[in-house]
N, C-alpha and C. Protein backbone atom coordinates (compact mmCIF):
# COMPACT_ATOMS: atom_id res chain seq x y z
N MET A 1 0.82 -1.19 0.00
CA MET A 1 0.00 0.00 0.00
C MET A 1 0.87 1.26 0.00
N ARG A 2 1.65 1.40 -1.02
CA ARG A 2 2.56 2.54 -1.14
C ARG A 2 1.82 3.87 -1.22
N TRP A 3 0.61 3.87 -1.80
CA TRP A 3 -0.13 5.13 -1.95
C TRP A 3 -0.53 5.69 -0.59
N ARG A 4 -0.74 4.84 0.42
CA ARG A 4 -1.06 5.34 1.76
C ARG A 4 0.14 6.09 2.34
N SER A 5 1.30 5.54 2.13
CA SER A 5 2.51 6.21 2.58
C SER A 5 2.69 7.53 1.85
N TRP A 6 2.40 7.53 0.57
CA TRP A 6 2.50 8.75 -0.23
C TRP A 6 1.53 9.80 0.28
N LEU A 7 0.31 9.42 0.64
CA LEU A 7 -0.66 10.37 1.19
C LEU A 7 -0.18 10.95 2.51
N THR A 8 0.41 10.12 3.36
CA THR A 8 0.95 10.60 4.63
C THR A 8 2.09 11.59 4.37
N ASP A 9 2.96 11.26 3.43
CA ASP A 9 4.06 12.16 3.09
C ASP A 9 3.54 13.48 2.51
N LEU A 10 2.49 13.40 1.70
CA LEU A 10 1.89 14.60 1.13
C LEU A 10 1.32 15.50 2.23
N GLY A 11 0.67 14.89 3.20
CA GLY A 11 0.13 15.66 4.33
C GLY A 11 1.22 16.35 5.12
N THR A 12 2.34 15.67 5.31
CA THR A 12 3.47 16.28 6.00
C THR A 12 4.08 17.40 5.17
N TRP A 13 4.19 17.18 3.88
CA TRP A 13 4.77 18.18 3.01
C TRP A 13 3.91 19.45 2.96
N THR A 14 2.58 19.29 2.98
CA THR A 14 1.72 20.48 2.92
C THR A 14 1.81 21.32 4.18
N ALA A 15 2.41 20.77 5.23
CA ALA A 15 2.61 21.55 6.45
C ALA A 15 3.91 22.34 6.41
N SER A 16 4.66 22.22 5.33
CA SER A 16 5.94 22.91 5.25
C SER A 16 5.76 24.31 4.67
N PRO A 17 6.71 25.19 4.93
CA PRO A 17 6.64 26.55 4.36
C PRO A 17 6.68 26.56 2.83
N TYR A 18 7.23 25.51 2.21
CA TYR A 18 7.27 25.46 0.75
C TYR A 18 5.86 25.44 0.15
N ALA A 19 4.92 24.81 0.82
CA ALA A 19 3.55 24.77 0.32
C ALA A 19 2.97 26.19 0.27
N PHE A 20 3.26 27.00 1.29
CA PHE A 20 2.80 28.39 1.29
C PHE A 20 3.41 29.15 0.11
N ALA A 21 4.69 28.93 -0.12
CA ALA A 21 5.38 29.61 -1.21
C ALA A 21 4.75 29.25 -2.56
N ILE A 22 4.39 27.99 -2.73
CA ILE A 22 3.78 27.57 -3.99
C ILE A 22 2.44 28.26 -4.20
N VAL A 23 1.63 28.36 -3.16
CA VAL A 23 0.32 29.02 -3.29
C VAL A 23 0.51 30.51 -3.57
N VAL A 24 1.47 31.14 -2.92
CA VAL A 24 1.73 32.56 -3.16
C VAL A 24 2.22 32.79 -4.59
N VAL A 25 3.15 31.96 -5.05
CA VAL A 25 3.64 32.07 -6.43
C VAL A 25 2.49 31.84 -7.41
N TYR A 26 1.65 30.88 -7.13
CA TYR A 26 0.49 30.62 -7.99
C TYR A 26 -0.43 31.84 -8.04
N GLY A 27 -0.68 32.45 -6.87
CA GLY A 27 -1.54 33.63 -6.82
C GLY A 27 -0.95 34.80 -7.59
N PHE A 28 0.36 35.07 -7.43
CA PHE A 28 1.00 36.14 -8.17
C PHE A 28 1.03 35.85 -9.67
N SER A 29 1.24 34.60 -10.03
CA SER A 29 1.22 34.23 -11.45
C SER A 29 -0.16 34.47 -12.04
N TRP A 30 -1.18 34.12 -11.29
CA TRP A 30 -2.54 34.35 -11.75
C TRP A 30 -2.78 35.85 -11.93
N LEU A 31 -2.31 36.63 -10.98
CA LEU A 31 -2.48 38.08 -11.04
C LEU A 31 -1.73 38.68 -12.23
N ILE A 32 -0.54 38.19 -12.51
CA ILE A 32 0.28 38.74 -13.59
C ILE A 32 -0.22 38.30 -14.96
N PHE A 33 -0.51 37.01 -15.13
CA PHE A 33 -0.81 36.48 -16.45
C PHE A 33 -2.29 36.49 -16.82
N SER A 34 -3.16 36.56 -15.85
CA SER A 34 -4.59 36.51 -16.16
C SER A 34 -5.38 37.34 -15.16
N ARG A 35 -5.01 38.59 -15.04
CA ARG A 35 -5.63 39.48 -14.05
C ARG A 35 -7.15 39.57 -14.22
N GLU A 36 -7.62 39.56 -15.45
CA GLU A 36 -9.06 39.72 -15.69
C GLU A 36 -9.88 38.54 -15.18
N THR A 37 -9.27 37.37 -15.00
CA THR A 37 -10.01 36.22 -14.49
C THR A 37 -9.93 36.09 -12.97
N LEU A 38 -9.10 36.91 -12.34
CA LEU A 38 -8.97 36.84 -10.88
C LEU A 38 -10.06 37.69 -10.25
N GLU A 39 -11.24 37.08 -10.11
CA GLU A 39 -12.38 37.75 -9.49
C GLU A 39 -12.45 37.33 -8.03
N TRP A 40 -13.54 37.65 -7.39
CA TRP A 40 -13.66 37.33 -5.97
C TRP A 40 -13.70 35.83 -5.74
N HIS A 41 -14.20 35.07 -6.71
CA HIS A 41 -14.21 33.61 -6.57
C HIS A 41 -12.77 33.06 -6.50
N GLY A 42 -11.94 33.54 -7.38
CA GLY A 42 -10.54 33.11 -7.39
C GLY A 42 -9.81 33.56 -6.15
N LEU A 43 -10.08 34.78 -5.71
CA LEU A 43 -9.46 35.27 -4.49
C LEU A 43 -9.91 34.47 -3.27
N ALA A 44 -11.19 34.11 -3.24
CA ALA A 44 -11.70 33.28 -2.14
C ALA A 44 -11.03 31.90 -2.16
N THR A 45 -10.80 31.37 -3.34
CA THR A 45 -10.12 30.08 -3.46
C THR A 45 -8.70 30.16 -2.91
N LEU A 46 -7.97 31.20 -3.29
CA LEU A 46 -6.60 31.36 -2.80
C LEU A 46 -6.57 31.53 -1.28
N ILE A 47 -7.49 32.30 -0.75
CA ILE A 47 -7.56 32.50 0.70
C ILE A 47 -7.90 31.19 1.40
N THR A 48 -8.81 30.40 0.81
CA THR A 48 -9.15 29.10 1.38
C THR A 48 -7.94 28.18 1.40
N TRP A 49 -7.18 28.15 0.32
CA TRP A 49 -5.96 27.34 0.27
C TRP A 49 -4.98 27.76 1.36
N ILE A 50 -4.77 29.06 1.49
CA ILE A 50 -3.83 29.55 2.49
C ILE A 50 -4.30 29.21 3.90
N MET A 51 -5.57 29.39 4.19
CA MET A 51 -6.10 29.07 5.52
C MET A 51 -5.99 27.57 5.79
N THR A 52 -6.23 26.75 4.78
CA THR A 52 -6.08 25.30 4.94
C THR A 52 -4.64 24.95 5.28
N LEU A 53 -3.69 25.61 4.63
CA LEU A 53 -2.29 25.37 4.93
C LEU A 53 -1.92 25.84 6.33
N PHE A 54 -2.49 26.96 6.78
CA PHE A 54 -2.26 27.42 8.15
C PHE A 54 -2.76 26.37 9.16
N ILE A 55 -3.95 25.85 8.91
CA ILE A 55 -4.52 24.84 9.81
C ILE A 55 -3.66 23.59 9.79
N GLN A 56 -3.26 23.15 8.60
CA GLN A 56 -2.41 21.96 8.48
C GLN A 56 -1.10 22.15 9.22
N ARG A 57 -0.52 23.34 9.10
CA ARG A 57 0.75 23.64 9.77
C ARG A 57 0.59 23.60 11.28
N ALA A 58 -0.50 24.19 11.80
CA ALA A 58 -0.74 24.20 13.24
C ALA A 58 -0.96 22.78 13.76
N GLU A 59 -1.73 21.98 13.04
CA GLU A 59 -1.96 20.60 13.46
C GLU A 59 -0.67 19.79 13.43
N HIS A 60 0.16 20.01 12.42
CA HIS A 60 1.43 19.29 12.33
C HIS A 60 2.34 19.67 13.49
N ARG A 61 2.39 20.96 13.82
CA ARG A 61 3.22 21.41 14.94
C ARG A 61 2.74 20.79 16.24
N ASP A 62 1.42 20.80 16.47
CA ASP A 62 0.87 20.21 17.68
C ASP A 62 1.17 18.71 17.76
N THR A 63 1.01 18.02 16.65
CA THR A 63 1.27 16.58 16.63
C THR A 63 2.74 16.29 16.92
N GLN A 64 3.63 17.06 16.33
CA GLN A 64 5.05 16.85 16.58
C GLN A 64 5.41 17.13 18.04
N ALA A 65 4.78 18.15 18.63
CA ALA A 65 5.04 18.45 20.05
C ALA A 65 4.54 17.31 20.94
N ILE A 66 3.36 16.78 20.63
CA ILE A 66 2.83 15.66 21.41
C ILE A 66 3.74 14.44 21.27
N HIS A 67 4.19 14.17 20.05
CA HIS A 67 5.11 13.04 19.84
C HIS A 67 6.39 13.22 20.64
N ALA A 68 6.94 14.41 20.64
CA ALA A 68 8.19 14.65 21.38
C ALA A 68 7.98 14.43 22.88
N LYS A 69 6.86 14.89 23.40
CA LYS A 69 6.57 14.72 24.83
C LYS A 69 6.36 13.24 25.17
N LEU A 70 5.61 12.55 24.32
CA LEU A 70 5.38 11.12 24.57
C LEU A 70 6.67 10.32 24.42
N ASP A 71 7.48 10.67 23.43
CA ASP A 71 8.78 9.99 23.29
C ASP A 71 9.61 10.16 24.54
N GLU A 72 9.63 11.36 25.09
CA GLU A 72 10.40 11.61 26.30
C GLU A 72 9.88 10.76 27.46
N LEU A 73 8.55 10.68 27.59
CA LEU A 73 7.97 9.86 28.65
C LEU A 73 8.30 8.38 28.46
N LEU A 74 8.26 7.90 27.23
CA LEU A 74 8.59 6.50 26.96
C LEU A 74 10.05 6.21 27.24
N HIS A 75 10.93 7.13 26.90
CA HIS A 75 12.36 6.91 27.15
C HIS A 75 12.69 6.97 28.63
N VAL A 76 11.98 7.79 29.38
CA VAL A 76 12.24 7.91 30.81
C VAL A 76 11.71 6.69 31.56
N HIS A 77 10.58 6.19 31.11
CA HIS A 77 9.96 5.04 31.77
C HIS A 77 10.71 3.78 31.37
N GLY A 78 11.27 3.09 32.29
CA GLY A 78 12.12 1.94 32.00
C GLY A 78 11.39 0.73 31.44
N ASP A 79 10.09 0.59 31.72
CA ASP A 79 9.36 -0.59 31.28
C ASP A 79 8.69 -0.42 29.91
N ALA A 80 8.93 0.69 29.26
CA ALA A 80 8.29 0.93 27.96
C ALA A 80 8.83 -0.05 26.91
N ARG A 81 7.94 -0.50 26.03
CA ARG A 81 8.34 -1.42 24.97
C ARG A 81 8.90 -0.63 23.79
N ASN A 82 9.93 -1.15 23.18
CA ASN A 82 10.57 -0.47 22.05
C ASN A 82 9.65 -0.29 20.85
N GLU A 83 8.75 -1.26 20.61
CA GLU A 83 7.89 -1.15 19.43
C GLU A 83 6.95 0.06 19.51
N ILE A 84 6.65 0.51 20.70
CA ILE A 84 5.79 1.68 20.85
C ILE A 84 6.51 2.94 20.38
N THR A 85 7.79 3.02 20.61
CA THR A 85 8.53 4.22 20.21
C THR A 85 8.64 4.35 18.69
N GLN A 86 8.36 3.28 17.96
CA GLN A 86 8.46 3.32 16.50
C GLN A 86 7.10 3.32 15.82
N LEU A 87 6.03 3.49 16.55
CA LEU A 87 4.69 3.49 15.96
C LEU A 87 4.48 4.64 14.98
N ASP A 88 5.12 5.78 15.20
CA ASP A 88 4.89 6.91 14.32
C ASP A 88 5.43 6.69 12.91
N GLU A 89 6.18 5.62 12.69
CA GLU A 89 6.67 5.29 11.36
C GLU A 89 5.68 4.44 10.58
N LYS A 90 4.62 3.99 11.22
CA LYS A 90 3.64 3.11 10.57
C LYS A 90 2.49 3.94 9.99
N GLU A 91 1.70 3.28 9.17
CA GLU A 91 0.53 3.91 8.57
C GLU A 91 -0.58 4.06 9.61
N PRO A 92 -1.48 5.04 9.45
CA PRO A 92 -2.54 5.25 10.44
C PRO A 92 -3.39 4.01 10.70
N GLU A 93 -3.67 3.23 9.65
CA GLU A 93 -4.47 2.02 9.83
C GLU A 93 -3.74 0.99 10.67
N GLN A 94 -2.43 0.89 10.51
CA GLN A 94 -1.63 -0.04 11.31
C GLN A 94 -1.60 0.40 12.77
N ILE A 95 -1.54 1.70 13.00
CA ILE A 95 -1.55 2.21 14.38
C ILE A 95 -2.88 1.92 15.04
N GLU A 96 -3.98 2.10 14.30
CA GLU A 96 -5.30 1.79 14.85
C GLU A 96 -5.41 0.31 15.20
N GLN A 97 -4.90 -0.57 14.34
CA GLN A 97 -4.92 -2.00 14.63
C GLN A 97 -4.08 -2.30 15.87
N PHE A 98 -2.93 -1.65 16.00
CA PHE A 98 -2.09 -1.85 17.18
C PHE A 98 -2.83 -1.43 18.44
N ARG A 99 -3.50 -0.28 18.38
CA ARG A 99 -4.23 0.22 19.55
C ARG A 99 -5.39 -0.71 19.92
N GLU A 100 -6.10 -1.22 18.91
CA GLU A 100 -7.21 -2.12 19.18
C GLU A 100 -6.72 -3.42 19.79
N GLY A 101 -5.57 -3.90 19.36
CA GLY A 101 -5.03 -5.15 19.86
C GLY A 101 -4.38 -5.04 21.23
N HIS A 102 -4.03 -3.83 21.66
CA HIS A 102 -3.33 -3.64 22.92
C HIS A 102 -4.10 -2.84 23.95
N THR A 103 -5.39 -2.61 23.72
CA THR A 103 -6.16 -1.89 24.72
C THR A 103 -6.51 -2.83 25.86
N THR A 104 -6.54 -2.29 27.05
CA THR A 104 -6.87 -3.11 28.22
C THR A 104 -8.27 -2.76 28.69
N SER A 105 -8.98 -3.76 29.15
CA SER A 105 -10.32 -3.54 29.68
C SER A 105 -10.24 -3.13 31.15
N ASP A 106 -11.14 -2.21 31.52
CA ASP A 106 -11.18 -1.78 32.92
C ASP A 106 -11.94 -2.74 33.78
């Protein structure tokens, strides 16, 4: 399932500053080469893209911070299993299966 990995990589890439640069370059290109077609619909589309990238960036930052904190807790705790520290390298579906298989009943 290589395409799942590609989708995960794409999501990570869209959280990078390069994605913002691409949207800005696209917007300026649209303004320069086809100014008459850049109406409020096109401007709303560009703003929506930029806001989506802002949200993606904030979520990526939060996720990375949570991972760093959890990694620190796992490394400090002596009884932690090594396979847990490598879960972030797996696909989301594999992580869900791992969680379902390792949940404890109260």
